[in-house]
Amino acid sequence: MLGLTFQATAETSHWERVKQQAQGQTVYFNAWGGDAAANAYLRWVATEMQRQYAITVKLVPLSDTADAVRRIQAEAAAGRREKGSVDLLWLNGENFKALKISGLLHTGWAEQLPNWQFVDTTLPVREDFSIPTEGAESPWGRAQLMLIADRERVPTPPSDPASLLAFAQAHPGQLTYPRPPDFIGTAFLKQLLLSLTSTPKAFNTPPQPEQFATLTAPLWQYLDQLHPLLWRQGKDFPASAARIDRLLGDGVVRLSLTFNPAHVANLIANGQLPGSAYAFGFQRGMLGNVHFVAIPFNANAKAGAQVVANFLLSPQAQLRKADPTVWGDPTVLDPHKLPPHWQAELESNLPGTQAPVPVLAEPDSAWIAALEAEWLKRYGVR
């Protein structure tokens, strides 16, 4: 007991020192700026950091996270080991991998944040597209591929790839998916790949040329059967999921796709879909990932960046982010780890799926380009 008390006291003392160092610091937070709701949320975060912690957050909107990655790499190549231009970076997947394998991230801090105690560790929060995070990035939101339907037209949703194929056979011309390399279109390919395989662990490492054909054969065989049953006989694919949302609202197709389970609530709220619309997933799970914030190796305000990351994990910030009227980005917290009043509020803002859907972890990021190239070769000619 004495040992545990000493450890808790030491951790509290460490965090108090971090907060003291952070006061008055300016944190340059580089984040993708392509979503109005996310941008508004981050402006609120900046206001709260100034009010609560005397930390100035300067938001640096990015059109592509890779731009910030290249800047950090350039600073490292120039020997700029201190006073880097990026203090906190919103990232995951390939961008995290590029920085981590080059040793360009501050490590070992994420699980030391006080609010880590509330994180749902059943989610893939300790790996990022199969790459161990090792405390180099802190989770703050998540996404999961889901299907959207109208209960009036689809009272019983497909529960696996086989039943989805049967659904397409029963309703020819009324299903489709976005054309890869659209993000959600590629996610649908990965979903089918993981759902159809008998060797899921094979996708935790980059694809090898000698294994690629064998491992992906079930996917192409499935798509060869599915495509003739799709909208426009699979000879044309919508450019985005937003286009499919419109087709669903117009009654042309029966299913759409999203990477945000709360998206269906937004579609209902803006009148694009009726109140009978709902999100659902396959019984054995749907592809999901977590998005993180990371601190570069040469960040000028490491203490301030940690305080911002900790605030992003707070029940207050996570509740606001999960609210569909604010952003609707799902929480990474486990409601059962929270004090009762926070637990009730957070659970009331969980996405309105029919039932909890298990998360299938992302394959290694190298599979993205390989799958897209093969899909375009097989089906991309119009």
Protein backbone atom coordinates (compact mmCIF):
# COMPACT_ATOMS: atom_id res chain seq x y z
CA MET A 1 0.00 0.00 0.00
CA LEU A 2 2.84 2.37 0.89
CA GLY A 3 4.45 1.71 -2.50
CA LEU A 4 1.24 2.51 -4.36
CA THR A 5 0.77 5.72 -2.37
CA PHE A 6 4.32 6.82 -3.16
CA GLN A 7 3.81 6.07 -6.86
CA ALA A 8 0.56 8.06 -6.98
CA THR A 9 2.23 10.99 -5.19
CA ALA A 10 5.16 10.92 -7.62
CA GLU A 11 2.82 10.88 -10.62
CA THR A 12 0.83 13.81 -9.23
CA SER A 13 4.03 15.74 -8.56
CA HIS A 14 5.27 15.04 -12.11
CA TRP A 15 2.03 16.30 -13.65
CA GLU A 16 2.05 19.43 -11.51
CA ARG A 17 5.54 20.20 -12.84
CA VAL A 18 4.33 19.66 -16.42
CA LYS A 19 1.43 22.07 -15.87
CA GLN A 20 3.72 24.68 -14.34
CA GLN A 21 6.11 24.44 -17.30
CA ALA A 22 3.15 24.71 -19.69
CA GLN A 23 1.84 28.01 -18.32
CA GLY A 24 2.45 30.81 -20.78
CA GLN A 25 3.59 28.47 -23.56
CA THR A 26 2.28 28.73 -27.12
CA VAL A 27 1.32 25.38 -28.68
CA TYR A 28 1.28 25.24 -32.47
CA PHE A 29 -1.38 22.59 -33.09
CA ASN A 30 -1.23 21.33 -36.70
CA ALA A 31 -4.49 19.66 -37.68
CA TRP A 32 -6.37 18.75 -40.83
CA GLY A 33 -8.58 21.74 -41.58
CA GLY A 34 -11.03 20.20 -44.03
CA ASP A 35 -14.00 19.77 -41.69
CA ALA A 36 -15.96 22.78 -40.45
CA ALA A 37 -17.28 20.99 -37.35
CA ALA A 38 -13.80 19.81 -36.35
CA ASN A 39 -12.39 23.29 -36.87
CA ALA A 40 -15.08 24.87 -34.69
CA TYR A 41 -14.43 22.27 -31.99
CA LEU A 42 -10.70 22.97 -32.01
CA ARG A 43 -11.34 26.70 -31.69
CA TRP A 44 -13.34 25.91 -28.55
CA VAL A 45 -10.41 23.80 -27.28
CA ALA A 46 -8.07 26.76 -27.83
CA THR A 47 -10.38 29.04 -25.86
CA GLU A 48 -10.58 26.57 -22.97
CA MET A 49 -6.81 26.06 -22.86
CA GLN A 50 -6.27 29.81 -22.48
CA ARG A 51 -9.02 30.13 -19.87
CA GLN A 52 -8.14 27.07 -17.78
CA TYR A 53 -4.36 26.73 -18.19
CA ALA A 54 -2.98 30.04 -19.56
CA ILE A 55 -1.79 28.16 -22.65
CA THR A 56 -2.10 29.78 -26.07
CA VAL A 57 -3.07 27.34 -28.81
CA LYS A 58 -2.32 28.45 -32.36
CA LEU A 59 -4.27 26.28 -34.80
CA VAL A 60 -2.40 25.54 -38.02
CA PRO A 61 -4.93 24.13 -40.55
CA LEU A 62 -3.55 21.53 -42.96
CA SER A 63 -4.96 20.45 -46.30
CA ASP A 64 -2.85 17.29 -45.98
CA THR A 65 -1.25 16.01 -42.77
CA ALA A 66 1.69 14.82 -44.85
CA ASP A 67 2.64 18.51 -45.29
CA ALA A 68 3.44 18.77 -41.58
CA VAL A 69 5.25 15.43 -41.68
CA ARG A 70 7.50 16.68 -44.47
CA ARG A 71 8.19 19.87 -42.51
CA ILE A 72 9.26 17.88 -39.44
CA GLN A 73 11.45 15.65 -41.62
CA ALA A 74 13.04 18.71 -43.22
CA GLU A 75 13.80 20.22 -39.79
CA ALA A 76 15.44 16.97 -38.70
CA ALA A 77 17.54 16.85 -41.87
CA ALA A 78 18.66 20.43 -41.19
CA GLY A 79 19.72 19.52 -37.65
CA ARG A 80 16.94 21.52 -35.96
CA ARG A 81 16.72 19.51 -32.75
CA GLU A 82 14.93 22.24 -30.79
CA LYS A 83 12.29 24.91 -31.36
CA GLY A 84 10.49 22.99 -34.08
CA SER A 85 7.55 24.53 -35.90
CA VAL A 86 5.06 21.83 -34.79
CA ASP A 87 4.19 21.23 -31.13
CA LEU A 88 1.16 18.97 -31.53
CA LEU A 89 0.01 17.09 -34.62
CA TRP A 90 -3.28 15.33 -35.39
CA LEU A 91 -2.41 12.15 -37.28
CA ASN A 92 -2.67 8.40 -37.69
CA GLY A 93 -1.81 5.63 -40.13
CA GLU A 94 0.88 6.25 -42.71
CA ASN A 95 1.84 9.64 -41.29
CA PHE A 96 2.46 8.21 -37.83
CA LYS A 97 4.48 5.36 -39.33
CA ALA A 98 6.65 7.76 -41.33
CA LEU A 99 7.57 9.78 -38.23
CA LYS A 100 7.94 6.87 -35.83
CA ILE A 101 10.27 4.73 -37.93
CA SER A 102 12.51 7.79 -38.38
CA GLY A 103 12.60 8.50 -34.64
CA LEU A 104 11.00 11.91 -35.07
CA LEU A 105 8.43 11.69 -32.27
CA HIS A 106 8.57 12.44 -28.55
CA THR A 107 7.88 9.08 -26.90
CA GLY A 108 6.74 7.58 -23.60
CA TRP A 109 4.39 10.37 -22.54
CA ALA A 110 0.90 9.40 -23.67
CA GLU A 111 0.03 6.85 -20.99
CA GLN A 112 1.39 9.17 -18.31
CA LEU A 113 -1.42 11.65 -18.92
CA PRO A 114 -3.83 11.76 -15.95
CA ASN A 115 -6.87 11.26 -18.19
CA TRP A 116 -5.41 8.08 -19.71
CA GLN A 117 -7.13 6.30 -16.80
CA PHE A 118 -10.45 6.83 -18.58
CA VAL A 119 -9.38 5.50 -22.00
CA ASP A 120 -11.13 2.44 -23.39
CA THR A 121 -8.14 0.15 -23.85
CA THR A 122 -10.23 -2.46 -25.68
CA LEU A 123 -9.98 -0.07 -28.64
CA PRO A 124 -6.79 -0.10 -30.75
CA VAL A 125 -5.25 2.75 -28.73
CA ARG A 126 -1.83 1.11 -28.36
CA GLU A 127 -1.34 0.49 -32.05
CA ASP A 128 -1.91 2.61 -35.13
CA PHE A 129 -2.56 0.66 -38.34
CA SER A 130 -0.68 -2.28 -36.73
CA ILE A 131 2.28 -0.11 -35.63
CA PRO A 132 2.80 -0.06 -31.81
CA THR A 133 2.39 3.49 -30.51
CA GLU A 134 4.70 3.00 -27.48
CA GLY A 135 3.42 6.15 -25.83
CA ALA A 136 4.29 8.34 -28.81
CA GLU A 137 0.72 9.46 -29.50
CA SER A 138 -2.41 10.00 -27.45
CA PRO A 139 -5.86 8.92 -28.69
CA TRP A 140 -8.63 11.49 -28.81
CA GLY A 141 -11.23 10.21 -31.29
CA ARG A 142 -12.17 7.20 -33.31
CA ALA A 143 -13.90 6.12 -36.45
CA GLN A 144 -15.59 2.95 -37.59
CA LEU A 145 -16.91 1.97 -40.97
CA MET A 146 -20.68 1.54 -40.83
CA LEU A 147 -23.52 1.00 -43.26
CA ILE A 148 -26.60 3.22 -43.31
CA ALA A 149 -30.13 2.10 -44.15
CA ASP A 150 -33.76 3.12 -43.71
CA ARG A 151 -35.68 0.74 -41.46
CA GLU A 152 -38.74 1.17 -43.67
CA ARG A 153 -36.85 -0.28 -46.65
CA VAL A 154 -34.30 -2.49 -44.84
CA PRO A 155 -35.91 -3.86 -41.68
CA THR A 156 -33.30 -6.62 -41.32
CA PRO A 157 -29.79 -5.48 -42.30
CA PRO A 158 -27.13 -7.77 -43.81
CA SER A 159 -24.92 -9.20 -41.06
CA ASP A 160 -21.91 -10.40 -43.08
CA PRO A 161 -20.54 -10.37 -46.65
CA ALA A 162 -22.60 -13.41 -47.67
CA SER A 163 -25.88 -11.81 -46.60
CA LEU A 164 -24.82 -8.54 -48.26
CA LEU A 165 -24.34 -10.43 -51.52
CA ALA A 166 -27.74 -12.08 -51.07
CA PHE A 167 -29.24 -8.63 -50.42
CA ALA A 168 -27.70 -7.35 -53.65
CA GLN A 169 -29.14 -10.32 -55.53
CA ALA A 170 -32.58 -9.56 -54.10
CA HIS A 171 -32.30 -5.84 -54.95
CA PRO A 172 -30.21 -5.55 -58.13
CA GLY A 173 -28.99 -2.07 -59.00
CA GLN A 174 -29.68 -0.72 -55.49
CA LEU A 175 -26.26 -1.02 -53.89
CA THR A 176 -22.93 0.68 -54.60
CA TYR A 177 -19.78 1.94 -52.89
CA PRO A 178 -17.38 4.86 -53.54
CA ARG A 179 -14.77 4.44 -56.22
CA PRO A 180 -11.31 3.79 -54.71
CA PRO A 181 -9.01 5.55 -53.93
CA ASP A 182 -11.80 7.43 -52.18
CA PHE A 183 -11.12 6.92 -48.47
CA ILE A 184 -14.40 5.17 -47.70
CA GLY A 185 -14.26 3.15 -50.92
CA THR A 186 -10.86 1.80 -49.91
CA ALA A 187 -12.12 1.19 -46.38
CA PHE A 188 -14.89 -0.97 -47.85
CA LEU A 189 -12.27 -3.06 -49.65
CA LYS A 190 -10.33 -3.51 -46.40
CA GLN A 191 -13.55 -4.43 -44.58
CA LEU A 192 -14.32 -7.19 -47.08
CA LEU A 193 -10.71 -8.35 -47.04
CA LEU A 194 -10.74 -8.78 -43.26
CA SER A 195 -14.24 -10.30 -43.22
CA LEU A 196 -13.49 -12.89 -45.90
CA THR A 197 -10.02 -14.00 -44.82
CA SER A 198 -9.14 -17.02 -42.71
CA THR A 199 -5.75 -15.50 -41.80
CA PRO A 200 -6.39 -11.98 -40.41
CA LYS A 201 -2.95 -11.72 -38.80
CA ALA A 202 -1.36 -11.84 -42.25
CA PHE A 203 -2.48 -8.24 -42.76
CA ASN A 204 -0.58 -6.90 -39.74
CA THR A 205 2.56 -6.64 -41.87
CA PRO A 206 3.12 -5.05 -45.30
CA PRO A 207 1.99 -7.13 -48.31
CA GLN A 208 4.63 -9.32 -49.93
CA PRO A 209 4.48 -9.81 -53.71
CA GLU A 210 4.56 -13.59 -53.43
CA GLN A 211 1.61 -13.64 -51.01
CA PHE A 212 -0.54 -10.79 -52.29
CA ALA A 213 -2.46 -12.77 -54.92
CA THR A 214 -3.29 -15.61 -52.52
CA LEU A 215 -4.31 -13.39 -49.61
CA THR A 216 -6.52 -11.13 -51.73
CA ALA A 217 -8.10 -13.84 -53.91
CA PRO A 218 -11.28 -14.10 -51.74
CA LEU A 219 -11.82 -10.35 -52.09
CA TRP A 220 -11.63 -10.29 -55.90
CA GLN A 221 -13.79 -13.41 -56.19
CA TYR A 222 -16.42 -11.74 -54.02
CA LEU A 223 -16.32 -8.46 -55.97
CA ASP A 224 -16.59 -10.32 -59.27
CA GLN A 225 -19.93 -11.66 -58.03
CA LEU A 226 -21.07 -8.41 -56.43
CA HIS A 227 -20.28 -5.84 -59.13
CA PRO A 228 -22.81 -6.96 -61.79
CA LEU A 229 -25.52 -6.55 -59.12
CA LEU A 230 -24.57 -2.98 -58.23
CA TRP A 231 -25.90 0.40 -59.33
CA ARG A 232 -25.08 0.82 -63.05
CA GLN A 233 -24.00 -2.85 -63.05
CA GLY A 234 -20.74 -1.94 -61.29
CA LYS A 235 -19.47 -0.18 -64.43
CA ASP A 236 -19.50 3.17 -62.67
CA PHE A 237 -19.00 4.09 -59.02
CA PRO A 238 -19.93 7.27 -57.13
CA ALA A 239 -17.00 9.56 -56.37
CA SER A 240 -17.81 9.82 -52.67
CA ALA A 241 -19.97 8.54 -49.85
CA ALA A 242 -21.73 11.91 -49.83
CA ARG A 243 -23.01 11.12 -53.33
CA ILE A 244 -24.31 7.75 -52.08
CA ASP A 245 -26.03 9.51 -49.17
CA ARG A 246 -27.94 11.54 -51.75
CA LEU A 247 -28.80 8.41 -53.74
CA LEU A 248 -30.08 6.81 -50.54
CA GLY A 249 -32.16 9.86 -49.70
CA ASP A 250 -33.64 9.83 -53.23
CA GLY A 251 -34.54 6.14 -52.94
CA VAL A 252 -32.14 5.07 -55.71
CA VAL A 253 -30.05 2.80 -53.47
CA ARG A 254 -30.83 1.06 -50.20
CA LEU A 255 -27.50 1.39 -48.34
CA SER A 256 -24.83 4.03 -47.86
CA LEU A 257 -21.51 3.99 -45.99
CA THR A 258 -19.83 6.21 -43.44
CA PHE A 259 -16.73 6.21 -41.26
CA ASN A 260 -18.58 8.01 -38.46
CA PRO A 261 -21.41 6.15 -36.69
CA ALA A 262 -22.93 9.52 -35.71
CA HIS A 263 -23.21 10.56 -39.36
CA VAL A 264 -26.69 9.08 -39.65
CA ALA A 265 -27.89 11.44 -36.91
CA ASN A 266 -26.54 14.38 -38.92
CA LEU A 267 -28.33 13.17 -42.07
CA ILE A 268 -31.59 12.90 -40.14
CA ALA A 269 -31.11 16.30 -38.52
CA ASN A 270 -30.62 18.06 -41.86
CA GLY A 271 -33.61 16.32 -43.41
CA GLN A 272 -31.62 14.25 -45.90
CA LEU A 273 -32.85 10.98 -44.40
CA PRO A 274 -36.01 10.12 -42.44
CA GLY A 275 -36.04 9.41 -38.73
CA SER A 276 -36.22 5.69 -39.49
CA ALA A 277 -32.62 5.72 -40.81
CA TYR A 278 -30.02 3.85 -38.77
CA ALA A 279 -26.38 2.72 -38.86
CA PHE A 280 -25.33 -0.91 -38.59
CA GLY A 281 -22.37 -3.20 -39.01
CA PHE A 282 -21.48 -6.83 -39.60
CA GLN A 283 -21.95 -9.15 -36.65
CA ARG A 284 -18.26 -10.13 -36.42
CA GLY A 285 -17.06 -6.55 -36.58
CA MET A 286 -16.36 -3.54 -38.75
CA LEU A 287 -13.11 -1.84 -39.64
CA GLY A 288 -12.20 0.85 -37.15
CA ASN A 289 -9.32 3.06 -36.21
CA VAL A 290 -8.36 5.66 -33.68
CA HIS A 291 -7.02 9.10 -34.47
CA PHE A 292 -4.31 10.51 -32.26
CA VAL A 293 -2.24 13.55 -31.42
CA ALA A 294 1.56 13.32 -31.36
CA ILE A 295 4.40 15.55 -30.23
CA PRO A 296 7.39 15.86 -32.59
CA PHE A 297 10.88 15.20 -31.24
CA ASN A 298 11.84 18.87 -31.54
CA ALA A 299 8.62 20.48 -30.29
CA ASN A 300 9.19 23.82 -28.63
CA ALA A 301 6.32 23.45 -26.15
CA LYS A 302 6.34 19.79 -25.10
CA ALA A 303 4.76 20.51 -21.72
CA GLY A 304 2.00 22.62 -23.21
CA ALA A 305 1.33 20.00 -25.86
CA GLN A 306 0.89 17.34 -23.17
CA VAL A 307 -1.59 19.50 -21.28
CA VAL A 308 -3.58 20.03 -24.49
CA ALA A 309 -3.54 16.29 -25.21
CA ASN A 310 -4.72 15.57 -21.67
CA PHE A 311 -7.57 18.08 -22.04
CA LEU A 312 -8.63 16.40 -25.30
CA LEU A 313 -9.06 13.20 -23.23
CA SER A 314 -11.08 14.88 -20.49
CA PRO A 315 -14.73 13.88 -20.04
CA GLN A 316 -15.71 17.49 -20.69
CA ALA A 317 -13.92 17.64 -24.06
CA GLN A 318 -14.90 14.13 -25.11
CA LEU A 319 -18.56 14.73 -24.29
CA ARG A 320 -18.63 17.90 -26.36
CA LYS A 321 -16.85 16.21 -29.27
CA ALA A 322 -19.27 13.25 -29.24
CA ASP A 323 -22.33 15.51 -29.42
CA PRO A 324 -23.70 15.20 -33.00
CA THR A 325 -24.75 18.86 -32.91
CA VAL A 326 -21.11 19.87 -32.27
CA TRP A 327 -19.06 17.31 -34.20
CA GLY A 328 -20.27 13.77 -33.51
CA ASP A 329 -16.75 12.28 -33.38
CA PRO A 330 -17.00 9.13 -31.20
CA THR A 331 -15.29 9.03 -27.83
CA VAL A 332 -12.22 6.98 -26.93
CA LEU A 333 -13.25 6.87 -23.28
CA ASP A 334 -14.83 3.93 -21.50
CA PRO A 335 -17.99 5.36 -19.89
CA HIS A 336 -17.76 2.75 -17.12
CA LYS A 337 -14.44 4.22 -15.97
CA LEU A 338 -15.96 7.67 -15.46
CA PRO A 339 -17.65 9.21 -12.42
CA PRO A 340 -21.41 8.51 -12.52
CA HIS A 341 -22.55 11.95 -13.78
CA TRP A 342 -20.06 11.92 -16.65
CA GLN A 343 -20.90 8.30 -17.47
CA ALA A 344 -24.60 9.06 -17.91
CA GLU A 345 -23.93 12.10 -20.10
CA LEU A 346 -21.39 10.34 -22.30
CA GLU A 347 -23.56 7.25 -22.81
CA SER A 348 -26.42 9.49 -23.95
CA ASN A 349 -24.20 10.73 -26.78
CA LEU A 350 -22.93 7.37 -28.01
CA PRO A 351 -23.68 6.79 -31.72
CA GLY A 352 -27.15 5.44 -32.43
CA THR A 353 -26.28 2.07 -33.93
CA GLN A 354 -28.65 -0.85 -33.59
CA ALA A 355 -26.17 -2.65 -31.31
CA PRO A 356 -22.49 -2.30 -30.36
CA VAL A 357 -20.31 -3.43 -33.24
CA PRO A 358 -16.90 -5.03 -32.56
CA VAL A 359 -13.90 -3.15 -33.97
CA LEU A 360 -11.68 -4.80 -36.56
CA ALA A 361 -8.21 -3.24 -36.36
CA GLU A 362 -6.76 -1.67 -39.49
CA PRO A 363 -4.28 -3.70 -41.53
CA ASP A 364 -0.77 -2.37 -42.05
CA SER A 365 -0.98 0.94 -43.91
CA ALA A 366 1.00 -0.47 -46.86
CA TRP A 367 -2.08 -2.49 -47.86
CA ILE A 368 -3.91 0.70 -48.85
CA ALA A 369 -1.87 1.49 -51.96
CA ALA A 370 -1.59 -2.18 -52.93
CA LEU A 371 -5.36 -2.75 -52.78
CA GLU A 372 -6.15 0.48 -54.62
CA ALA A 373 -3.72 -0.32 -57.44
CA GLU A 374 -5.14 -3.82 -57.91
CA TRP A 375 -8.75 -2.60 -57.77
CA LEU A 376 -8.04 0.05 -60.43
CA LYS A 377 -6.36 -2.55 -62.61
CA ARG A 378 -9.31 -4.91 -62.38
CA TYR A 379 -12.31 -2.57 -62.27
CA GLY A 380 -11.13 0.98 -62.85
CA VAL A 381 -11.51 1.18 -66.66
CA ARG A 382 -14.79 2.86 -67.57
